[in-house]
Amino acid sequence: MIRPATMWRAFFSAIGIVLIILGLECLAIDSATFVAGAAEEASVQQPFGGMFAAATPPASDRVFRPTEWFPWSLLAVGSITLLYSISLRPSAGPA
């Protein structure tokens, strides 16, 4: 039988690990560009309309530039969350 404390420990461990990985990735990059509609354009076929076809609007790309404190904050919060998950006591289940 899985005890509730085991599930909480796994949940907080996963969140802590994800935050640490995101913090390390933000340390490694200068900027990230998110392209809007890249997956949708490949699957949708445009009908041929000749020279009077409506032009598709340009996709608005978003550029994410992490500030200097952002990766360190993610690493700190992830580490604290991971330490919290390790310190959870196993609950006494039904005997």
N, C-alpha and C. Protein backbone atom coordinates (compact mmCIF):
# COMPACT_ATOMS: atom_id res chain seq x y z
N MET A 1 0.84 -1.18 0.00
CA MET A 1 0.00 0.00 0.00
C MET A 1 0.89 1.25 0.00
N ILE A 2 0.54 2.22 -0.80
CA ILE A 2 1.31 3.46 -0.88
C ILE A 2 0.79 4.43 0.18
N ARG A 3 1.70 4.93 0.96
CA ARG A 3 1.31 5.87 2.01
C ARG A 3 1.23 7.29 1.46
N PRO A 4 0.39 8.14 2.03
CA PRO A 4 0.26 9.52 1.53
C PRO A 4 1.55 10.32 1.57
N ALA A 5 2.37 10.11 2.57
CA ALA A 5 3.62 10.86 2.65
C ALA A 5 4.56 10.50 1.50
N THR A 6 4.49 9.26 1.04
CA THR A 6 5.32 8.85 -0.09
C THR A 6 4.93 9.60 -1.35
N MET A 7 3.64 9.80 -1.53
CA MET A 7 3.16 10.53 -2.71
C MET A 7 3.57 12.00 -2.65
N TRP A 8 3.46 12.61 -1.47
CA TRP A 8 3.87 14.01 -1.33
C TRP A 8 5.37 14.16 -1.56
N ARG A 9 6.13 13.19 -1.06
CA ARG A 9 7.59 13.23 -1.25
C ARG A 9 7.93 13.16 -2.74
N ALA A 10 7.28 12.29 -3.47
CA ALA A 10 7.53 12.17 -4.91
C ALA A 10 7.10 13.43 -5.65
N PHE A 11 5.97 14.00 -5.26
CA PHE A 11 5.47 15.22 -5.90
C PHE A 11 6.43 16.38 -5.71
N PHE A 12 6.86 16.62 -4.47
CA PHE A 12 7.77 17.74 -4.22
C PHE A 12 9.16 17.48 -4.79
N SER A 13 9.58 16.23 -4.83
CA SER A 13 10.87 15.90 -5.45
C SER A 13 10.83 16.22 -6.94
N ALA A 14 9.74 15.87 -7.60
CA ALA A 14 9.62 16.15 -9.04
C ALA A 14 9.60 17.65 -9.32
N ILE A 15 8.88 18.41 -8.51
CA ILE A 15 8.85 19.86 -8.71
C ILE A 15 10.23 20.46 -8.48
N GLY A 16 10.92 20.02 -7.44
CA GLY A 16 12.27 20.53 -7.17
C GLY A 16 13.25 20.22 -8.29
N ILE A 17 13.18 19.01 -8.82
CA ILE A 17 14.10 18.62 -9.90
C ILE A 17 13.81 19.42 -11.16
N VAL A 18 12.52 19.63 -11.48
CA VAL A 18 12.17 20.41 -12.67
C VAL A 18 12.66 21.85 -12.53
N LEU A 19 12.51 22.45 -11.35
CA LEU A 19 12.97 23.83 -11.15
C LEU A 19 14.49 23.93 -11.26
N ILE A 20 15.20 22.94 -10.75
CA ILE A 20 16.66 22.94 -10.86
C ILE A 20 17.09 22.82 -12.32
N ILE A 21 16.43 21.95 -13.08
CA ILE A 21 16.76 21.79 -14.50
C ILE A 21 16.48 23.08 -15.27
N LEU A 22 15.33 23.71 -15.00
CA LEU A 22 15.02 24.98 -15.67
C LEU A 22 16.03 26.07 -15.30
N GLY A 23 16.47 26.10 -14.05
CA GLY A 23 17.48 27.07 -13.63
C GLY A 23 18.80 26.85 -14.34
N LEU A 24 19.21 25.60 -14.48
CA LEU A 24 20.46 25.31 -15.20
C LEU A 24 20.35 25.67 -16.67
N GLU A 25 19.17 25.42 -17.26
CA GLU A 25 18.99 25.78 -18.66
C GLU A 25 19.03 27.30 -18.85
N CYS A 26 18.43 28.04 -17.92
CA CYS A 26 18.45 29.51 -18.03
C CYS A 26 19.86 30.06 -17.82
N LEU A 27 20.70 29.35 -17.07
CA LEU A 27 22.10 29.77 -16.94
C LEU A 27 22.86 29.58 -18.25
N ALA A 28 22.46 28.57 -19.03
CA ALA A 28 23.21 28.22 -20.23
C ALA A 28 22.82 29.05 -21.46
N ILE A 29 21.66 29.70 -21.45
CA ILE A 29 21.21 30.42 -22.64
C ILE A 29 21.27 31.92 -22.43
N ASP A 30 21.38 32.65 -23.54
CA ASP A 30 21.27 34.11 -23.50
C ASP A 30 19.83 34.53 -23.78
N SER A 31 19.19 33.85 -24.72
CA SER A 31 17.79 34.13 -25.04
C SER A 31 17.18 32.90 -25.69
N ALA A 32 15.85 32.82 -25.62
CA ALA A 32 15.11 31.75 -26.27
C ALA A 32 14.00 32.38 -27.09
N THR A 33 13.81 31.91 -28.32
CA THR A 33 12.79 32.44 -29.20
C THR A 33 11.69 31.40 -29.35
N PHE A 34 10.47 31.79 -29.02
CA PHE A 34 9.31 30.94 -29.17
C PHE A 34 8.59 31.35 -30.45
N VAL A 35 8.52 30.46 -31.41
CA VAL A 35 7.91 30.76 -32.70
C VAL A 35 6.43 30.41 -32.62
N ALA A 36 5.58 31.39 -32.90
CA ALA A 36 4.14 31.19 -32.83
C ALA A 36 3.64 30.52 -34.10
N GLY A 37 2.90 29.44 -33.94
CA GLY A 37 2.24 28.78 -35.06
C GLY A 37 3.14 27.94 -35.94
N ALA A 38 4.30 27.54 -35.51
CA ALA A 38 5.19 26.75 -36.36
C ALA A 38 4.62 25.37 -36.61
N ALA A 39 4.02 24.74 -35.63
CA ALA A 39 3.46 23.40 -35.80
C ALA A 39 2.17 23.45 -36.61
N GLU A 40 1.41 24.50 -36.46
CA GLU A 40 0.13 24.60 -37.16
C GLU A 40 0.32 24.83 -38.66
N GLU A 41 1.33 25.60 -39.05
CA GLU A 41 1.55 25.91 -40.46
C GLU A 41 1.91 24.67 -41.27
N ALA A 42 2.60 23.74 -40.65
CA ALA A 42 3.02 22.54 -41.38
C ALA A 42 1.84 21.62 -41.67
N SER A 43 0.85 21.59 -40.79
CA SER A 43 -0.25 20.66 -40.97
C SER A 43 -1.42 21.23 -41.77
N VAL A 44 -1.53 22.54 -41.87
CA VAL A 44 -2.65 23.16 -42.57
C VAL A 44 -2.24 23.52 -43.99
N GLN A 45 -2.98 23.03 -44.98
CA GLN A 45 -2.71 23.35 -46.37
C GLN A 45 -3.44 24.63 -46.75
N GLN A 46 -2.74 25.57 -47.33
CA GLN A 46 -3.36 26.81 -47.78
C GLN A 46 -4.01 26.58 -49.14
N PRO A 47 -5.27 26.99 -49.30
CA PRO A 47 -5.90 26.84 -50.61
C PRO A 47 -5.27 27.81 -51.61
N PHE A 48 -5.21 27.37 -52.86
CA PHE A 48 -4.63 28.22 -53.89
C PHE A 48 -5.65 29.28 -54.28
N GLY A 49 -5.30 30.53 -54.12
CA GLY A 49 -6.23 31.61 -54.44
C GLY A 49 -5.70 32.53 -55.50
N GLY A 50 -4.57 32.20 -56.07
CA GLY A 50 -4.01 33.06 -57.11
C GLY A 50 -3.49 34.36 -56.53
N MET A 51 -3.58 35.40 -57.32
CA MET A 51 -3.01 36.66 -56.90
C MET A 51 -3.93 37.41 -55.95
N PHE A 52 -5.19 37.00 -55.82
CA PHE A 52 -6.14 37.68 -54.94
C PHE A 52 -6.31 36.97 -53.59
N ALA A 53 -5.45 36.01 -53.31
CA ALA A 53 -5.54 35.28 -52.05
C ALA A 53 -5.14 36.20 -50.90
N ALA A 54 -5.82 36.01 -49.77
CA ALA A 54 -5.51 36.82 -48.59
C ALA A 54 -4.16 36.40 -48.04
N ALA A 55 -3.36 37.38 -47.74
CA ALA A 55 -2.04 37.09 -47.19
C ALA A 55 -2.19 36.67 -45.73
N THR A 56 -1.40 35.69 -45.33
CA THR A 56 -1.43 35.27 -43.93
C THR A 56 -0.64 36.27 -43.11
N PRO A 57 -1.15 36.61 -41.92
CA PRO A 57 -0.41 37.57 -41.09
C PRO A 57 0.88 36.94 -40.59
N PRO A 58 1.91 37.75 -40.42
CA PRO A 58 3.18 37.19 -39.94
C PRO A 58 3.04 36.68 -38.51
N ALA A 59 3.72 35.58 -38.22
CA ALA A 59 3.68 35.01 -36.88
C ALA A 59 4.47 35.91 -35.93
N SER A 60 3.91 36.11 -34.76
CA SER A 60 4.60 36.95 -33.78
C SER A 60 5.47 36.04 -32.90
N ASP A 61 6.76 36.20 -33.04
CA ASP A 61 7.71 35.43 -32.25
C ASP A 61 7.93 36.12 -30.92
N ARG A 62 8.07 35.32 -29.88
CA ARG A 62 8.36 35.87 -28.56
C ARG A 62 9.78 35.50 -28.18
N VAL A 63 10.50 36.48 -27.68
CA VAL A 63 11.89 36.26 -27.26
C VAL A 63 11.95 36.39 -25.75
N PHE A 64 12.48 35.35 -25.10
CA PHE A 64 12.62 35.33 -23.65
C PHE A 64 14.09 35.51 -23.31
N ARG A 65 14.40 36.56 -22.59
CA ARG A 65 15.76 36.83 -22.13
C ARG A 65 15.77 36.82 -20.60
N PRO A 66 16.29 35.75 -19.99
CA PRO A 66 16.27 35.70 -18.53
C PRO A 66 17.21 36.75 -17.93
N THR A 67 16.73 37.40 -16.90
CA THR A 67 17.56 38.37 -16.19
C THR A 67 18.63 37.62 -15.39
N GLU A 68 19.53 38.37 -14.79
CA GLU A 68 20.64 37.73 -14.09
C GLU A 68 20.19 36.97 -12.84
N TRP A 69 19.16 37.43 -12.17
CA TRP A 69 18.71 36.81 -10.93
C TRP A 69 17.77 35.63 -11.17
N PHE A 70 17.17 35.50 -12.35
CA PHE A 70 16.14 34.50 -12.59
C PHE A 70 16.64 33.06 -12.46
N PRO A 71 17.76 32.66 -13.13
CA PRO A 71 18.21 31.26 -12.97
C PRO A 71 18.62 30.93 -11.55
N TRP A 72 19.21 31.89 -10.85
CA TRP A 72 19.62 31.63 -9.47
C TRP A 72 18.42 31.47 -8.56
N SER A 73 17.35 32.19 -8.84
CA SER A 73 16.12 32.03 -8.05
C SER A 73 15.50 30.66 -8.29
N LEU A 74 15.48 30.22 -9.55
CA LEU A 74 14.95 28.89 -9.84
C LEU A 74 15.79 27.80 -9.16
N LEU A 75 17.10 27.95 -9.20
CA LEU A 75 17.97 26.97 -8.55
C LEU A 75 17.75 26.95 -7.04
N ALA A 76 17.60 28.13 -6.43
CA ALA A 76 17.40 28.20 -4.98
C ALA A 76 16.07 27.59 -4.56
N VAL A 77 15.01 27.97 -5.26
CA VAL A 77 13.68 27.44 -4.91
C VAL A 77 13.63 25.93 -5.17
N GLY A 78 14.23 25.48 -6.27
CA GLY A 78 14.27 24.04 -6.55
C GLY A 78 15.05 23.27 -5.50
N SER A 79 16.17 23.82 -5.05
CA SER A 79 16.98 23.15 -4.03
C SER A 79 16.25 23.08 -2.70
N ILE A 80 15.60 24.18 -2.32
CA ILE A 80 14.85 24.20 -1.06
C ILE A 80 13.68 23.22 -1.12
N THR A 81 13.01 23.16 -2.26
CA THR A 81 11.89 22.22 -2.41
C THR A 81 12.38 20.78 -2.35
N LEU A 82 13.51 20.51 -2.97
CA LEU A 82 14.07 19.16 -2.93
C LEU A 82 14.50 18.78 -1.51
N LEU A 83 15.11 19.71 -0.79
CA LEU A 83 15.49 19.44 0.59
C LEU A 83 14.25 19.22 1.47
N TYR A 84 13.18 19.96 1.19
CA TYR A 84 11.94 19.78 1.94
C TYR A 84 11.37 18.39 1.68
N SER A 85 11.42 17.94 0.43
CA SER A 85 10.86 16.62 0.13
C SER A 85 11.66 15.51 0.80
N ILE A 86 12.96 15.71 0.94
CA ILE A 86 13.79 14.70 1.62
C ILE A 86 13.49 14.67 3.11
N SER A 87 13.14 15.83 3.68
CA SER A 87 12.93 15.89 5.13
C SER A 87 11.54 15.45 5.57
N LEU A 88 10.64 15.15 4.62
CA LEU A 88 9.30 14.69 5.01
C LEU A 88 9.41 13.34 5.72
N ARG A 89 8.71 13.23 6.83
CA ARG A 89 8.70 11.98 7.58
C ARG A 89 7.69 11.03 6.97
N PRO A 90 8.03 9.76 6.94
CA PRO A 90 7.02 8.80 6.49
C PRO A 90 5.92 8.70 7.54
N SER A 91 4.69 8.71 7.10
CA SER A 91 3.58 8.63 8.06
C SER A 91 3.37 7.20 8.49
N ALA A 92 2.88 7.05 9.70
CA ALA A 92 2.57 5.72 10.22
C ALA A 92 1.24 5.28 9.64
N GLY A 93 1.30 4.28 8.80
CA GLY A 93 0.10 3.78 8.14
C GLY A 93 -0.69 2.85 9.03
N PRO A 94 -1.76 2.30 8.49
CA PRO A 94 -2.55 1.36 9.28
C PRO A 94 -1.76 0.10 9.59
N ALA A 95 -1.89 -0.37 10.79
CA ALA A 95 -1.11 -1.52 11.24
C ALA A 95 -1.72 -2.82 10.82
